Amino acid sequence: MRKSDAIIIIGSMLVIIAATVMTVLWPMYSINDRPSNIWRRSTKLELRGRALYIANGCTYCHSQYVRSQDWGLGAERIAQTGDYYDQRPHLLGSERTGPDLSQDGGERSDDWHYAHFVNPRLTRPRSLMPRFAYEGNAGIRAMTSYVQSLGGTWADERMVEQYRWKTEALAAYRRGFDENIKWLHSRIPQGWRIMQSQTIASEASVSRGENIYQEYCLGCHGPVGDGMGPAWPYLEPRPVNFTTLKRHLIDGKYIGGILYYQIMNGVTGSAMPYFKKDLESAKIWDVGNYVMVNFINYRDDLLLSPAIPPSYEGMYNIPTTPKPVPGPVGANQGGVNGLP
């Protein structure tokens, strides 16, 4: 076939027309423009936050849609066209440098988001996100309101739970440290409250836990575990002070299960988010070991036998004959005291 300028121009125009029809016109007339079962109208504050979200280019790093292959990341629902009803422009986004936000509403507390917008490193020490403190109090609250609306009516249900539990969390916190810890423990199932750590607090485990703590926990709980990390002025109730937890050991023996449960599930109503979508089980045990050894000055893992250690763990430096706990011990509650 002989080429000519006319053939090149006509062919190029046909390609452009076909692309326009397939990507613009066909979706416009074939997709039912009706709200989905979770859609609702945005409030004025949420619309203002959305405008700031757009103006600050948040869509460059955060998408707002979930595909079927994203379920492996813990998403609850595949995106539907009706989720974006009446949105002009839509904010699907094309990059995922940060997490997808399409269902983020109610997953964390308002004060966590406030601190995160002021300086993302306050809540996620290794975050790449820029600071938004220049938006001021009103701007940050508007952006927080917008993010908390993502997920529609499902997000609203989660926010109801956040506010309900925040009332209880604040009341317990204001009654004093001891009462606050008792309240926190009361929300943990009995089986977890009497469970010791399921991973030996070896040097390797504690070192891995330290890395995890620095990445996820340091901003709120601080470098020495006293609950006074750089984010704490923005949070209420304040983060837990680990260094005073030793007097709250369950039956004087166990605390590993408590740490695991609260790291895994978070504390709804407080700024403590859940980490079950970020950390697998082994990492949660490791960071719990780090907290116990370095901040609580206690170990509850000595019930575990070091006889067949994983090859990479090396020497445990654990007494071969653990010191028994004084007093009667139940059939499933045998144990040893923490190291001096």
Protein backbone atom coordinates (compact mmCIF):
# COMPACT_ATOMS: atom_id res chain seq x y z
CA MET A 1 0.00 0.00 0.00
CA ARG A 2 1.41 3.37 -1.02
CA LYS A 3 1.59 6.05 1.68
CA SER A 4 0.42 9.58 1.12
CA ASP A 5 -0.21 12.62 3.25
CA ALA A 6 -3.97 12.18 2.87
CA ILE A 7 -3.88 8.57 4.09
CA ILE A 8 -1.78 9.53 7.14
CA ILE A 9 -4.08 12.43 8.04
CA ILE A 10 -7.29 10.44 7.52
CA GLY A 11 -5.92 7.44 9.42
CA SER A 12 -4.83 9.63 12.34
CA MET A 13 -8.25 11.29 12.49
CA LEU A 14 -10.00 7.91 12.52
CA VAL A 15 -7.83 6.76 15.44
CA ILE A 16 -8.60 9.96 17.39
CA ILE A 17 -12.33 9.66 16.68
CA ALA A 18 -12.38 6.00 17.73
CA ALA A 19 -10.51 6.79 20.96
CA THR A 20 -12.88 9.66 21.75
CA VAL A 21 -15.94 7.51 21.16
CA MET A 22 -14.65 4.65 23.32
CA THR A 23 -13.29 6.71 26.23
CA VAL A 24 -15.68 9.67 26.31
CA LEU A 25 -18.93 9.22 24.40
CA TRP A 26 -19.57 5.51 24.97
CA PRO A 27 -19.13 5.71 28.80
CA MET A 28 -21.24 8.90 28.86
CA TYR A 29 -24.27 7.28 27.27
CA SER A 30 -23.91 3.65 28.35
CA ILE A 31 -23.33 4.04 32.10
CA ASN A 32 -26.41 4.58 34.27
CA ASP A 33 -25.87 7.83 36.12
CA ARG A 34 -27.66 6.86 39.31
CA PRO A 35 -26.45 6.98 42.91
CA SER A 36 -25.20 3.75 44.49
CA ASN A 37 -26.52 2.29 47.74
CA ILE A 38 -23.82 4.07 49.80
CA TRP A 39 -23.91 7.48 48.09
CA ARG A 40 -25.13 10.56 49.91
CA ARG A 41 -24.90 14.30 49.36
CA SER A 42 -21.87 16.06 50.79
CA THR A 43 -22.18 18.73 53.46
CA LYS A 44 -20.87 22.26 52.92
CA LEU A 45 -17.86 21.54 55.12
CA GLU A 46 -17.07 18.37 53.17
CA LEU A 47 -17.36 20.24 49.86
CA ARG A 48 -14.94 22.86 51.14
CA GLY A 49 -12.55 20.11 52.17
CA ARG A 50 -12.92 18.51 48.76
CA ALA A 51 -12.01 21.79 47.08
CA LEU A 52 -8.87 22.03 49.24
CA TYR A 53 -8.10 18.38 48.48
CA ILE A 54 -8.20 19.20 44.75
CA ALA A 55 -6.28 22.46 45.09
CA ASN A 56 -3.46 20.74 46.99
CA GLY A 57 -3.10 18.01 44.37
CA CYS A 58 -3.93 15.13 46.69
CA THR A 59 -5.23 13.10 43.73
CA TYR A 60 -1.66 12.81 42.44
CA CYS A 61 -0.79 10.39 45.23
CA HIS A 62 -4.15 9.02 46.45
CA SER A 63 -6.66 7.16 44.30
CA GLN A 64 -10.34 6.84 45.17
CA TYR A 65 -11.41 3.58 43.59
CA VAL A 66 -11.11 -0.10 44.43
CA ARG A 67 -10.71 -2.77 41.76
CA SER A 68 -11.41 -6.45 42.21
CA GLN A 69 -7.66 -7.16 42.48
CA ASP A 70 -7.38 -4.67 45.34
CA TRP A 71 -9.31 -6.89 47.73
CA GLY A 72 -6.03 -8.47 48.70
CA LEU A 73 -5.23 -5.15 50.41
CA GLY A 74 -8.24 -5.48 52.70
CA ALA A 75 -10.76 -3.38 50.76
CA GLU A 76 -14.38 -3.91 51.72
CA ARG A 77 -16.13 -3.05 48.48
CA ILE A 78 -15.42 -2.76 44.75
CA ALA A 79 -16.02 0.73 43.39
CA GLN A 80 -19.27 1.33 41.49
CA THR A 81 -20.13 4.13 39.09
CA GLY A 82 -22.91 5.33 41.38
CA ASP A 83 -20.37 6.01 44.14
CA TYR A 84 -19.26 9.06 42.13
CA TYR A 85 -22.74 10.35 41.33
CA ASP A 86 -22.94 14.14 41.02
CA GLN A 87 -19.17 14.59 41.48
CA ARG A 88 -17.64 17.19 39.20
CA PRO A 89 -14.85 16.48 38.62
CA HIS A 90 -14.47 12.88 39.75
CA LEU A 91 -11.36 12.20 41.82
CA LEU A 92 -10.47 8.67 40.80
CA GLY A 93 -6.78 9.49 40.63
CA SER A 94 -4.15 7.56 38.72
CA GLU A 95 -1.37 7.01 41.27
CA ARG A 96 -1.13 5.16 44.55
CA THR A 97 1.97 6.61 46.11
CA GLY A 98 -0.17 6.80 49.23
CA PRO A 99 -3.05 4.51 50.21
CA ASP A 100 -6.37 4.46 48.37
CA LEU A 101 -8.86 6.67 50.21
CA SER A 102 -12.16 5.67 48.61
CA GLN A 103 -13.33 3.92 51.79
CA ASP A 104 -11.18 5.66 54.39
CA GLY A 105 -13.95 7.48 56.23
CA GLY A 106 -14.26 6.43 59.86
CA GLU A 107 -11.23 4.16 59.81
CA ARG A 108 -9.35 6.59 62.08
CA SER A 109 -10.32 9.31 64.51
CA ASP A 110 -10.65 13.00 63.65
CA ASP A 111 -7.68 13.98 65.82
CA TRP A 112 -5.47 11.39 64.08
CA HIS A 113 -6.33 12.99 60.72
CA TYR A 114 -5.80 16.50 62.14
CA ALA A 115 -2.28 15.61 63.32
CA HIS A 116 -1.62 13.85 60.02
CA PHE A 117 -2.55 16.94 57.98
CA VAL A 118 -0.48 19.23 60.21
CA ASN A 119 2.56 17.02 59.62
CA PRO A 120 2.19 13.46 58.31
CA ARG A 121 5.42 12.41 60.06
CA LEU A 122 3.64 12.95 63.40
CA THR A 123 1.49 9.87 62.83
CA ARG A 124 3.49 8.01 60.17
CA PRO A 125 7.19 8.81 60.75
CA ARG A 126 8.26 7.60 57.29
CA SER A 127 5.46 9.23 55.30
CA LEU A 128 6.31 11.05 52.05
CA MET A 129 3.25 13.28 52.27
CA PRO A 130 3.88 17.05 52.54
CA ARG A 131 2.66 19.15 55.44
CA PHE A 132 -0.62 21.05 55.25
CA ALA A 133 -0.28 23.16 58.38
CA TYR A 134 -0.43 26.28 56.19
CA GLU A 135 -4.15 25.60 55.61
CA GLY A 136 -4.79 26.60 59.21
CA ASN A 137 -7.26 25.13 61.67
CA ALA A 138 -10.35 25.71 59.52
CA GLY A 139 -8.79 24.28 56.37
CA ILE A 140 -7.48 21.17 58.11
CA ARG A 141 -10.83 20.50 59.75
CA ALA A 142 -12.54 20.83 56.37
CA MET A 143 -10.11 18.39 54.76
CA THR A 144 -10.55 16.01 57.67
CA SER A 145 -14.31 16.19 57.26
CA TYR A 146 -13.98 15.38 53.56
CA VAL A 147 -11.72 12.37 54.12
CA GLN A 148 -14.05 11.10 56.86
CA SER A 149 -16.92 11.20 54.35
CA LEU A 150 -15.20 8.89 51.86
CA GLY A 151 -17.15 5.67 51.81
CA GLY A 152 -20.56 7.33 51.91
CA THR A 153 -23.11 5.91 54.32
CA TRP A 154 -20.72 3.12 55.33
CA ALA A 155 -18.24 5.78 56.44
CA ASP A 156 -21.04 7.51 58.35
CA GLU A 157 -21.74 4.30 60.29
CA ARG A 158 -18.07 4.00 61.20
CA MET A 159 -18.01 7.63 62.32
CA VAL A 160 -20.99 7.00 64.60
CA GLU A 161 -18.92 4.30 66.29
CA GLN A 162 -15.88 6.61 66.50
CA TYR A 163 -17.88 9.32 68.27
CA ARG A 164 -19.69 6.86 70.54
CA TRP A 165 -16.48 5.24 71.75
CA LYS A 166 -14.64 8.56 71.97
CA THR A 167 -17.10 9.67 74.65
CA GLU A 168 -16.25 6.58 76.71
CA ALA A 169 -12.52 6.82 75.97
CA LEU A 170 -12.37 10.45 77.14
CA ALA A 171 -14.35 9.68 80.28
CA ALA A 172 -11.99 6.83 81.18
CA TYR A 173 -8.91 8.94 80.41
CA ARG A 174 -10.11 11.78 82.61
CA ARG A 175 -10.63 9.41 85.55
CA GLY A 176 -6.89 8.90 85.74
CA PHE A 177 -4.23 6.59 84.35
CA ASP A 178 -5.13 3.49 86.33
CA GLU A 179 -8.83 3.72 85.49
CA ASN A 180 -7.98 4.36 81.86
CA ILE A 181 -5.88 1.20 81.64
CA LYS A 182 -8.60 -0.83 83.33
CA TRP A 183 -11.10 0.46 80.76
CA LEU A 184 -8.78 -0.36 77.87
CA HIS A 185 -8.24 -3.89 79.21
CA SER A 186 -11.97 -4.36 79.71
CA ARG A 187 -12.46 -4.05 75.95
CA ILE A 188 -10.16 -6.99 75.28
CA PRO A 189 -11.62 -10.53 75.24
CA GLN A 190 -10.63 -12.66 78.23
CA GLY A 191 -8.70 -15.14 76.10
CA TRP A 192 -6.34 -12.40 74.93
CA ARG A 193 -5.93 -10.87 78.38
CA ILE A 194 -4.41 -14.08 79.75
CA MET A 195 -2.24 -14.89 76.72
CA GLN A 196 1.52 -14.50 76.88
CA SER A 197 3.60 -13.51 73.86
CA GLN A 198 3.70 -16.26 71.26
CA THR A 199 7.17 -15.29 69.98
CA ILE A 200 10.37 -15.58 72.00
CA ALA A 201 11.73 -12.12 72.80
CA SER A 202 15.06 -12.92 71.19
CA GLU A 203 17.53 -10.27 70.13
CA ALA A 204 16.35 -10.71 66.54
CA SER A 205 12.67 -10.38 67.45
CA VAL A 206 13.24 -7.27 69.53
CA SER A 207 15.36 -5.71 66.78
CA ARG A 208 12.66 -6.34 64.21
CA GLY A 209 10.11 -4.91 66.61
CA GLU A 210 12.19 -1.77 67.02
CA ASN A 211 12.10 -1.12 63.27
CA ILE A 212 8.33 -1.60 63.22
CA TYR A 213 7.89 0.67 66.25
CA GLN A 214 9.89 3.43 64.60
CA GLU A 215 7.83 3.19 61.43
CA TYR A 216 4.34 3.02 62.95
CA CYS A 217 4.33 3.86 66.66
CA LEU A 218 7.01 6.40 67.53
CA GLY A 219 5.03 9.47 66.43
CA CYS A 220 2.35 8.93 69.10
CA HIS A 221 4.01 6.86 71.83
CA GLY A 222 7.40 8.57 71.62
CA PRO A 223 10.97 7.29 71.38
CA VAL A 224 10.98 6.21 75.04
CA GLY A 225 7.42 4.84 75.10
CA ASP A 226 6.05 7.47 77.48
CA GLY A 227 3.14 8.44 75.23
CA MET A 228 4.63 11.85 74.49
CA GLY A 229 5.59 11.50 70.84
CA PRO A 230 5.47 14.55 68.55
CA ALA A 231 1.77 13.91 67.75
CA TRP A 232 0.52 13.84 71.34
CA PRO A 233 -0.43 17.57 71.62
CA TYR A 234 -3.07 16.98 68.94
CA LEU A 235 -4.53 13.80 70.43
CA GLU A 236 -7.11 13.26 73.15
CA PRO A 237 -7.18 10.90 74.91
CA ARG A 238 -3.40 10.92 74.98
CA PRO A 239 -1.42 7.87 73.83
CA VAL A 240 -0.72 5.23 76.48
CA ASN A 241 2.46 5.55 78.53
CA PHE A 242 4.04 2.09 78.26
CA THR A 243 6.61 2.72 80.98
CA THR A 244 3.98 2.53 83.74
CA LEU A 245 2.17 -0.59 82.52
CA LYS A 246 4.04 -3.12 84.65
CA ARG A 247 1.71 -2.64 87.59
CA HIS A 248 -1.21 -3.57 85.34
CA LEU A 249 -0.03 -7.06 84.44
CA ILE A 250 -2.89 -9.54 84.35
CA ASP A 251 -2.42 -11.87 87.34
CA GLY A 252 1.16 -10.59 87.49
CA LYS A 253 2.09 -12.62 84.41
CA TYR A 254 0.69 -11.82 80.99
CA ILE A 255 0.62 -8.78 78.76
CA GLY A 256 1.69 -10.02 75.30
CA GLY A 257 -1.84 -10.91 74.25
CA ILE A 258 -3.12 -7.50 75.33
CA LEU A 259 -0.52 -5.70 73.24
CA TYR A 260 -1.19 -7.96 70.27
CA TYR A 261 -4.95 -7.45 70.38
CA GLN A 262 -4.76 -3.68 70.65
CA ILE A 263 -2.10 -3.33 67.95
CA MET A 264 -4.13 -5.58 65.67
CA ASN A 265 -7.54 -3.96 66.26
CA GLY A 266 -6.70 -0.48 67.49
CA VAL A 267 -8.83 1.38 70.03
CA THR A 268 -11.93 2.84 68.41
CA GLY A 269 -12.63 6.32 69.76
CA SER A 270 -8.96 7.10 70.29
CA ALA A 271 -6.19 7.98 67.85
CA MET A 272 -4.88 4.40 68.07
CA PRO A 273 -5.67 2.89 64.63
CA TYR A 274 -5.72 -0.81 63.82
CA PHE A 275 -2.69 -2.33 62.10
CA LYS A 276 -4.12 -5.67 60.96
CA LYS A 277 -3.99 -4.51 57.34
CA ASP A 278 -0.41 -3.22 57.66
CA LEU A 279 1.31 -5.87 59.78
CA GLU A 280 1.17 -9.61 59.64
CA SER A 281 1.01 -11.66 62.83
CA ALA A 282 4.77 -12.18 63.28
CA LYS A 283 5.46 -8.45 63.11
CA ILE A 284 2.79 -7.68 65.70
CA TRP A 285 4.36 -10.15 68.14
CA ASP A 286 7.80 -8.64 67.41
CA VAL A 287 6.75 -5.06 68.13
CA GLY A 288 4.97 -6.26 71.28
CA ASN A 289 8.21 -7.89 72.42
CA TYR A 290 10.07 -4.65 71.76
CA VAL A 291 7.59 -2.66 73.85
CA MET A 292 7.74 -5.17 76.72
CA VAL A 293 11.53 -5.45 76.85
CA ASN A 294 12.41 -1.78 76.36
CA PHE A 295 9.57 0.16 77.94
CA ILE A 296 7.78 -2.13 80.41
CA ASN A 297 10.97 -3.91 81.54
CA TYR A 298 9.15 -7.21 81.50
CA ARG A 299 8.99 -10.45 79.55
CA ASP A 300 6.12 -12.91 79.52
CA ASP A 301 7.48 -15.19 76.80
CA LEU A 302 9.52 -17.51 79.02
CA LEU A 303 6.80 -20.15 78.99
CA LEU A 304 7.66 -20.80 75.37
CA SER A 305 10.21 -23.55 74.84
CA PRO A 306 13.45 -22.49 73.14
CA ALA A 307 14.31 -26.12 72.43
CA ILE A 308 13.60 -25.89 68.67
CA PRO A 309 14.28 -22.28 67.68
CA PRO A 310 13.97 -21.04 64.10
CA SER A 311 17.41 -21.22 62.52
CA TYR A 312 17.77 -17.46 62.11
CA GLU A 313 16.97 -16.58 65.72
CA GLY A 314 20.32 -17.57 67.18
CA MET A 315 20.89 -17.79 70.92
CA TYR A 316 18.03 -16.76 73.17
CA ASN A 317 19.95 -16.25 76.38
CA ILE A 318 16.96 -17.55 78.32
CA PRO A 319 17.34 -19.46 81.62
CA THR A 320 16.95 -23.18 81.04
CA THR A 321 14.87 -23.50 84.22
CA PRO A 322 12.38 -20.63 84.39
CA LYS A 323 11.57 -19.24 87.80
CA PRO A 324 7.98 -20.29 88.68
CA VAL A 325 5.34 -17.76 89.64
CA PRO A 326 4.62 -17.89 93.40
CA GLY A 327 1.19 -19.04 94.47
CA PRO A 328 -1.33 -21.39 92.88
CA VAL A 329 -1.24 -21.69 89.11
CA GLY A 330 -4.19 -22.77 86.96
CA ALA A 331 -3.92 -25.59 84.43
CA ASN A 332 -3.65 -23.14 81.54
CA GLN A 333 -1.99 -20.26 83.36
CA GLY A 334 1.39 -21.53 84.35
CA GLY A 335 4.20 -19.03 83.86
CA VAL A 336 7.24 -17.22 85.07
CA ASN A 337 7.90 -13.71 86.24
CA GLY A 338 9.56 -11.20 83.99
CA LEU A 339 13.30 -10.84 84.02
CA PRO A 340 14.61 -8.55 86.76
